[in-house]
């Protein structure tokens, strides 16, 4: 490869990486935020389990 071909390959690589970073930033900024009401509804359940209540039932 000549110097000119290496330069073209380097420029194309740089442009590709730059486009990738820009599109990734755009994608991250456009992600949907979960509304507060929905966050309250989908809050995780407590992992603590009351074994005494199960043992007391026949």
PDB file of N, CA and C in Angstrom:
ATOM      1  N   UNK A   1       0.840  -1.180   0.000  1.00  0.00           N
ATOM      2  CA  UNK A   1       0.000   0.000   0.000  1.00  0.00           C
ATOM      3  C   UNK A   1       0.890   1.250   0.000  1.00  0.00           C
ATOM      4  N   UNK A   2       0.429   2.197  -0.726  1.00  0.00           N
ATOM      5  CA  UNK A   2       1.170   3.459  -0.773  1.00  0.00           C
ATOM      6  C   UNK A   2       0.738   4.357   0.387  1.00  0.00           C
ATOM      7  N   UNK A   3       1.459   5.454   0.551  1.00  0.00           N
ATOM      8  CA  UNK A   3       1.120   6.394   1.625  1.00  0.00           C
ATOM      9  C   UNK A   3      -0.282   6.962   1.438  1.00  0.00           C
ATOM     10  N   UNK A   4      -0.661   7.196   0.201  1.00  0.00           N
ATOM     11  CA  UNK A   4      -1.977   7.764  -0.081  1.00  0.00           C
ATOM     12  C   UNK A   4      -3.080   6.781   0.322  1.00  0.00           C
ATOM     13  N   UNK A   5      -2.889   5.507   0.047  1.00  0.00           N
ATOM     14  CA  UNK A   5      -3.886   4.491   0.407  1.00  0.00           C
ATOM     15  C   UNK A   5      -3.998   4.360   1.929  1.00  0.00           C
ATOM     16  N   UNK A   6      -2.856   4.429   2.630  1.00  0.00           N
ATOM     17  CA  UNK A   6      -2.879   4.375   4.089  1.00  0.00           C
ATOM     18  C   UNK A   6      -3.618   5.587   4.659  1.00  0.00           C
ATOM     19  N   UNK A   7      -3.399   6.736   4.065  1.00  0.00           N
ATOM     20  CA  UNK A   7      -4.074   7.946   4.526  1.00  0.00           C
ATOM     21  C   UNK A   7      -5.587   7.842   4.323  1.00  0.00           C
ATOM     22  N   UNK A   8      -5.999   7.345   3.178  1.00  0.00           N
ATOM     23  CA  UNK A   8      -7.431   7.171   2.910  1.00  0.00           C
ATOM     24  C   UNK A   8      -8.034   6.170   3.888  1.00  0.00           C
ATOM     25  N   UNK A   9      -7.333   5.054   4.141  1.00  0.00           N
ATOM     26  CA  UNK A   9      -7.824   4.050   5.088  1.00  0.00           C
ATOM     27  C   UNK A   9      -7.922   4.638   6.497  1.00  0.00           C
ATOM     28  N   UNK A  10      -6.946   5.436   6.897  1.00  0.00           N
ATOM     29  CA  UNK A  10      -6.964   6.049   8.224  1.00  0.00           C
ATOM     30  C   UNK A  10      -8.109   7.049   8.360  1.00  0.00           C
ATOM     31  N   UNK A  11      -8.341   7.832   7.320  1.00  0.00           N
ATOM     32  CA  UNK A  11      -9.432   8.815   7.349  1.00  0.00           C
ATOM     33  C   UNK A  11     -10.781   8.107   7.410  1.00  0.00           C
ATOM     34  N   UNK A  12     -10.956   7.068   6.599  1.00  0.00           N
ATOM     35  CA  UNK A  12     -12.219   6.325   6.628  1.00  0.00           C
ATOM     36  C   UNK A  12     -12.443   5.653   7.987  1.00  0.00           C
ATOM     37  N   UNK A  13     -11.399   5.131   8.575  1.00  0.00           N
ATOM     38  CA  UNK A  13     -11.511   4.526   9.908  1.00  0.00           C
ATOM     39  C   UNK A  13     -11.899   5.577  10.941  1.00  0.00           C
ATOM     40  N   UNK A  14     -11.266   6.737  10.880  1.00  0.00           N
ATOM     41  CA  UNK A  14     -11.581   7.811  11.808  1.00  0.00           C
ATOM     42  C   UNK A  14     -13.032   8.267  11.658  1.00  0.00           C
ATOM     43  N   UNK A  15     -13.490   8.429  10.436  1.00  0.00           N
ATOM     44  CA  UNK A  15     -14.876   8.856  10.189  1.00  0.00           C
ATOM     45  C   UNK A  15     -15.853   7.807  10.696  1.00  0.00           C
ATOM     46  N   UNK A  16     -15.543   6.526  10.485  1.00  0.00           N
ATOM     47  CA  UNK A  16     -16.418   5.450  10.952  1.00  0.00           C
ATOM     48  C   UNK A  16     -16.519   5.449  12.476  1.00  0.00           C
ATOM     49  N   UNK A  17     -15.393   5.568  13.150  1.00  0.00           N
ATOM     50  CA  UNK A  17     -15.403   5.581  14.619  1.00  0.00           C
ATOM     51  C   UNK A  17     -16.125   6.819  15.135  1.00  0.00           C
ATOM     52  N   UNK A  18     -15.909   7.950  14.507  1.00  0.00           N
ATOM     53  CA  UNK A  18     -16.585   9.186  14.910  1.00  0.00           C
ATOM     54  C   UNK A  18     -18.102   9.055  14.749  1.00  0.00           C
ATOM     55  N   UNK A  19     -18.539   8.499  13.620  1.00  0.00           N
ATOM     56  CA  UNK A  19     -19.974   8.296  13.397  1.00  0.00           C
ATOM     57  C   UNK A  19     -20.545   7.328  14.433  1.00  0.00           C
ATOM     58  N   UNK A  20     -19.806   6.266  14.755  1.00  0.00           N
ATOM     59  CA  UNK A  20     -20.248   5.289  15.738  1.00  0.00           C
ATOM     60  C   UNK A  20     -20.455   5.959  17.098  1.00  0.00           C
ATOM     61  N   UNK A  21     -19.517   6.776  17.522  1.00  0.00           N
ATOM     62  CA  UNK A  21     -19.624   7.455  18.808  1.00  0.00           C
ATOM     63  C   UNK A  21     -20.800   8.432  18.811  1.00  0.00           C
ATOM     64  N   UNK A  22     -20.961   9.181  17.741  1.00  0.00           N
ATOM     65  CA  UNK A  22     -22.060  10.149  17.667  1.00  0.00           C
ATOM     66  C   UNK A  22     -23.414   9.448  17.708  1.00  0.00           C
ATOM     67  N   UNK A  23     -23.580   8.381  16.928  1.00  0.00           N
ATOM     68  CA  UNK A  23     -24.852   7.658  16.925  1.00  0.00           C
ATOM     69  C   UNK A  23     -25.113   6.980  18.264  1.00  0.00           C
ATOM     70  N   UNK A  24     -24.073   6.522  18.945  1.00  0.00           N
ATOM     71  CA  UNK A  24     -24.245   5.918  20.258  1.00  0.00           C
ATOM     72  C   UNK A  24     -24.709   6.957  21.270  1.00  0.00           C
ATOM     73  N   UNK A  25     -24.156   8.156  21.210  1.00  0.00           N
ATOM     74  CA  UNK A  25     -24.588   9.236  22.111  1.00  0.00           C
ATOM     75  C   UNK A  25     -26.036   9.608  21.829  1.00  0.00           C
ATOM     76  N   UNK A  26     -26.409   9.698  20.567  1.00  0.00           N
ATOM     77  CA  UNK A  26     -27.797  10.017  20.205  1.00  0.00           C
ATOM     78  C   UNK A  26     -28.726   8.929  20.713  1.00  0.00           C
ATOM     79  N   UNK A  27     -28.332   7.680  20.576  1.00  0.00           N
ATOM     80  CA  UNK A  27     -29.161   6.559  21.031  1.00  0.00           C
ATOM     81  C   UNK A  27     -29.359   6.599  22.547  1.00  0.00           C
ATOM     82  N   UNK A  28     -28.304   6.884  23.285  1.00  0.00           N
ATOM     83  CA  UNK A  28     -28.399   6.932  24.746  1.00  0.00           C
ATOM     84  C   UNK A  28     -29.302   8.079  25.194  1.00  0.00           C
ATOM     85  N   UNK A  29     -29.197   9.218  24.538  1.00  0.00           N
ATOM     86  CA  UNK A  29     -30.008  10.382  24.929  1.00  0.00           C
ATOM     87  C   UNK A  29     -31.477  10.210  24.591  1.00  0.00           C
ATOM     88  N   UNK A  30     -31.792   9.365  23.611  1.00  0.00           N
ATOM     89  CA  UNK A  30     -33.181   9.218  23.187  1.00  0.00           C
ATOM     90  C   UNK A  30     -33.898   8.066  23.865  1.00  0.00           C
ATOM     91  N   UNK A  31     -33.250   7.408  24.818  1.00  0.00           N
ATOM     92  CA  UNK A  31     -33.915   6.304  25.504  1.00  0.00           C
ATOM     93  C   UNK A  31     -35.054   6.835  26.351  1.00  0.00           C
ATOM     94  N   UNK A  32     -36.101   6.036  26.473  1.00  0.00           N
ATOM     95  CA  UNK A  32     -37.317   6.437  27.173  1.00  0.00           C
ATOM     96  C   UNK A  32     -37.098   6.357  28.682  1.00  0.00           C
ATOM     97  N   UNK A  33     -37.567   7.379  29.379  1.00  0.00           N
ATOM     98  CA  UNK A  33     -37.507   7.389  30.831  1.00  0.00           C
ATOM     99  C   UNK A  33     -38.794   6.772  31.387  1.00  0.00           C
ATOM    100  N   UNK A  34     -38.685   5.999  32.460  1.00  0.00           N
ATOM    101  CA  UNK A  34     -39.854   5.389  33.087  1.00  0.00           C
ATOM    102  C   UNK A  34     -40.529   6.441  33.963  1.00  0.00           C
ATOM    103  N   UNK A  35     -41.852   6.639  33.792  1.00  0.00           N
ATOM    104  CA  UNK A  35     -42.552   7.629  34.618  1.00  0.00           C
ATOM    105  C   UNK A  35     -42.491   7.261  36.111  1.00  0.00           C
ATOM    106  N   UNK A  36     -42.588   8.253  36.966  1.00  0.00           N
ATOM    107  CA  UNK A  36     -42.476   8.045  38.408  1.00  0.00           C
ATOM    108  C   UNK A  36     -43.569   7.117  38.924  1.00  0.00           C
ATOM    109  N   UNK A  37     -44.782   7.286  38.422  1.00  0.00           N
ATOM    110  CA  UNK A  37     -45.896   6.434  38.866  1.00  0.00           C
ATOM    111  C   UNK A  37     -45.595   4.967  38.571  1.00  0.00           C
ATOM    112  N   UNK A  38     -45.050   4.688  37.408  1.00  0.00           N
ATOM    113  CA  UNK A  38     -44.737   3.316  37.029  1.00  0.00           C
ATOM    114  C   UNK A  38     -43.579   2.769  37.846  1.00  0.00           C
ATOM    115  N   UNK A  39     -42.618   3.606  38.190  1.00  0.00           N
ATOM    116  CA  UNK A  39     -41.502   3.162  39.029  1.00  0.00           C
ATOM    117  C   UNK A  39     -41.995   2.723  40.398  1.00  0.00           C
ATOM    118  N   UNK A  40     -42.991   3.404  40.929  1.00  0.00           N
ATOM    119  CA  UNK A  40     -43.553   3.031  42.234  1.00  0.00           C
ATOM    120  C   UNK A  40     -44.264   1.685  42.118  1.00  0.00           C
ATOM    121  N   UNK A  41     -44.987   1.481  41.026  1.00  0.00           N
ATOM    122  CA  UNK A  41     -45.745   0.245  40.842  1.00  0.00           C
ATOM    123  C   UNK A  41     -44.817  -0.955  40.673  1.00  0.00           C
ATOM    124  N   UNK A  42     -43.733  -0.795  39.944  1.00  0.00           N
ATOM    125  CA  UNK A  42     -42.856  -1.933  39.665  1.00  0.00           C
ATOM    126  C   UNK A  42     -41.712  -2.061  40.669  1.00  0.00           C
ATOM    127  N   UNK A  43     -41.857  -1.447  41.825  1.00  0.00           N
ATOM    128  CA  UNK A  43     -40.834  -1.547  42.869  1.00  0.00           C
ATOM    129  C   UNK A  43     -40.682  -3.008  43.272  1.00  0.00           C
ATOM    130  N   UNK A  44     -39.460  -3.476  43.488  1.00  0.00           N
ATOM    131  CA  UNK A  44     -39.257  -4.888  43.806  1.00  0.00           C
ATOM    132  C   UNK A  44     -39.907  -5.291  45.130  1.00  0.00           C
ATOM    133  N   UNK A  45     -40.330  -6.540  45.194  1.00  0.00           N
ATOM    134  CA  UNK A  45     -40.945  -7.094  46.401  1.00  0.00           C
ATOM    135  C   UNK A  45     -39.833  -7.421  47.399  1.00  0.00           C
ATOM    136  N   UNK A  46     -40.136  -7.242  48.658  1.00  0.00           N
ATOM    137  CA  UNK A  46     -39.160  -7.531  49.711  1.00  0.00           C
ATOM    138  C   UNK A  46     -38.840  -9.031  49.727  1.00  0.00           C
ATOM    139  N   UNK A  47     -37.569  -9.402  49.824  1.00  0.00           N
ATOM    140  CA  UNK A  47     -37.208 -10.819  49.816  1.00  0.00           C
ATOM    141  C   UNK A  47     -37.422 -11.500  51.166  1.00  0.00           C
ATOM    142  N   UNK A  48     -37.769 -10.728  52.200  1.00  0.00           N
ATOM    143  CA  UNK A  48     -38.010 -11.324  53.520  1.00  0.00           C
ATOM    144  C   UNK A  48     -39.319 -12.100  53.499  1.00  0.00           C
ATOM    145  N   UNK A  49     -39.287 -13.317  54.008  1.00  0.00           N
ATOM    146  CA  UNK A  49     -40.460 -14.171  53.979  1.00  0.00           C
ATOM    147  C   UNK A  49     -40.796 -14.588  55.404  1.00  0.00           C
ATOM    148  N   UNK A  50     -42.067 -14.468  55.765  1.00  0.00           N
ATOM    149  CA  UNK A  50     -42.506 -14.798  57.106  1.00  0.00           C
ATOM    150  C   UNK A  50     -42.831 -16.294  57.174  1.00  0.00           C
ATOM    151  N   UNK A  51     -41.904 -17.088  57.671  1.00  0.00           N
ATOM    152  CA  UNK A  51     -42.073 -18.538  57.735  1.00  0.00           C
ATOM    153  C   UNK A  51     -43.052 -18.913  58.846  1.00  0.00           C
ATOM    154  N   UNK A  52     -43.132 -18.133  59.922  1.00  0.00           N
ATOM    155  CA  UNK A  52     -44.033 -18.448  61.048  1.00  0.00           C
ATOM    156  C   UNK A  52     -45.481 -18.463  60.590  1.00  0.00           C
ATOM    157  N   UNK A  53     -45.864 -17.559  59.703  1.00  0.00           N
ATOM    158  CA  UNK A  53     -47.251 -17.528  59.260  1.00  0.00           C
ATOM    159  C   UNK A  53     -47.621 -18.775  58.466  1.00  0.00           C
ATOM    160  N   UNK A  54     -46.691 -19.331  57.738  1.00  0.00           N
ATOM    161  CA  UNK A  54     -46.952 -20.557  56.970  1.00  0.00           C
ATOM    162  C   UNK A  54     -47.004 -21.765  57.903  1.00  0.00           C
ATOM    163  N   UNK A  55     -46.149 -21.791  58.906  1.00  0.00           N
ATOM    164  CA  UNK A  55     -46.113 -22.920  59.811  1.00  0.00           C
ATOM    165  C   UNK A  55     -47.350 -22.960  60.700  1.00  0.00           C
ATOM    166  N   UNK A  56     -47.971 -21.822  60.958  1.00  0.00           N
ATOM    167  CA  UNK A  56     -49.134 -21.798  61.842  1.00  0.00           C
ATOM    168  C   UNK A  56     -50.408 -22.250  61.126  1.00  0.00           C
ATOM    169  N   UNK A  57     -50.478 -22.215  59.826  1.00  0.00           N
ATOM    170  CA  UNK A  57     -51.662 -22.663  59.098  1.00  0.00           C
ATOM    171  C   UNK A  57     -51.646 -24.180  58.960  1.00  0.00           C
ATOM    172  N   UNK A  58     -52.807 -24.816  59.151  1.00  0.00           N
ATOM    173  CA  UNK A  58     -52.859 -26.301  59.071  1.00  0.00           C
ATOM    174  C   UNK A  58     -52.733 -26.822  57.674  1.00  0.00           C
TER     175      UNK A  58
END
